[in-house]
Amino acid sequence: MRKVVWGVLSTAKIGTQKVLPGMQKSAWCDIRAIASRSIDTAAAAARALGIPKAYGSYEELIADPEIEAIYNPLPNHLHVPLTLQAARAGKHVLCEKPIAMSADEAAQLREVADKVLIMEAFMVRFHPQWLRALDLVRAGRIGTLRVVQMLFCYYNDDPGNIRNIADAGGGALYDIGCYPITAGRFFFQGEPMRGIALVDRDPKFHTDRLASALVDFGNGRHLDFSCSTQSARYQRIQLSGSTGRIEIQVPINAAQGAKTTLLIDDGSPDGTGIRTETIAESDQYMLQGEMFSRAVRGDLKLSHGVEDAIGGMRVIDALFRSEKSGRWEDIGA
């Protein structure tokens, strides 16, 4: 086994504080270079993380012949342009979520999908707590899964923060609403048919600061979620079945290298049937980087590619259409 040599486009906090420290734990990942539009910023990040090379432009890093794979945590509106640029240069790309600003924009990645590997960075799909919950659902431990319900919120009213800049892809649905959409598709193991949304926008930023949605997966299966960028910090997933329930207590921001817990409820009316299952220590960012690197080496097949990312964007598109129409909107395929 030879480590995959990685380069990083930008010094975004999600990368420098979460993703890269996780990937550096893996025997499959060699983080060799990091780039910023400022060489000083790139050099400071490189020193802090022990990365050998720093570049003062994204183009320089993409042109580096040593780099095999690129992690792209740039602002949302730059995901597709820089992913395309890297892929055309023969680099595999792990791109932060959401992969695009629309399904049509994400579809541009089909041009290079048969030449390199491209995956949207939903690290939660590799966390053992999500995998264990899916195993329990598949095994019928809660009967037939009927509802995936999620509340995901934080408070950020900083006008300079990228999450509050509409033209750069800010707002709740893009930033965190994509996670319950991923959860619905993951736990129902399928694609939804239609969705309806209620959205409240910040009067200054024009971003969606609160979005609530109902998404229909057919056959009596619903995803029900609210996400907010201006509410008290909280996150929780409920998987409600015909005979029981599973609760994922910290579904997205589980501490790296820590144990997590699932609550498994057998539906007893007095609540005595709730038990706690402890999931062993893990780092979802390490596991994500390791899986992608193994796919680059041909050790396994990529679990989620461009078509999967386009599918997630179709749901977001439909919910934004519903905001304007006030009606159910078809998601399509």
Foldseek 3Di string as FASTA:
>chain_A
DDAAEEEEEDPDCCVLPAQVVLQVVDPRHDDAEYEDCQQVVRVVSCVVSVHNYYYNDLVVVLPPPSHAAYEYADQQQCLLVSCVVSLVSNHAYAYEFLNHLFLVSLVVCVVRVVRHFYHYPQLLVQDVVLVVVLVCQVVCLQNHWQEKEKEFEAEDDDCPDSLLAVVRPHAWCRPPVLVLLVVLCSNVVHAFWWKAKAFDADPVSRGTQKMWMWTHRDPNHIYTYMYGHRDHGAIKIWGHGPFWIKIFGPRRCPPAQDKGKIWIARNPPVRPRIDIDIHHGHRSSNSSSNLSSCCNVVVDPDPDGSVNSSSSSLRVVRHVVNNVVVDMGTSDD
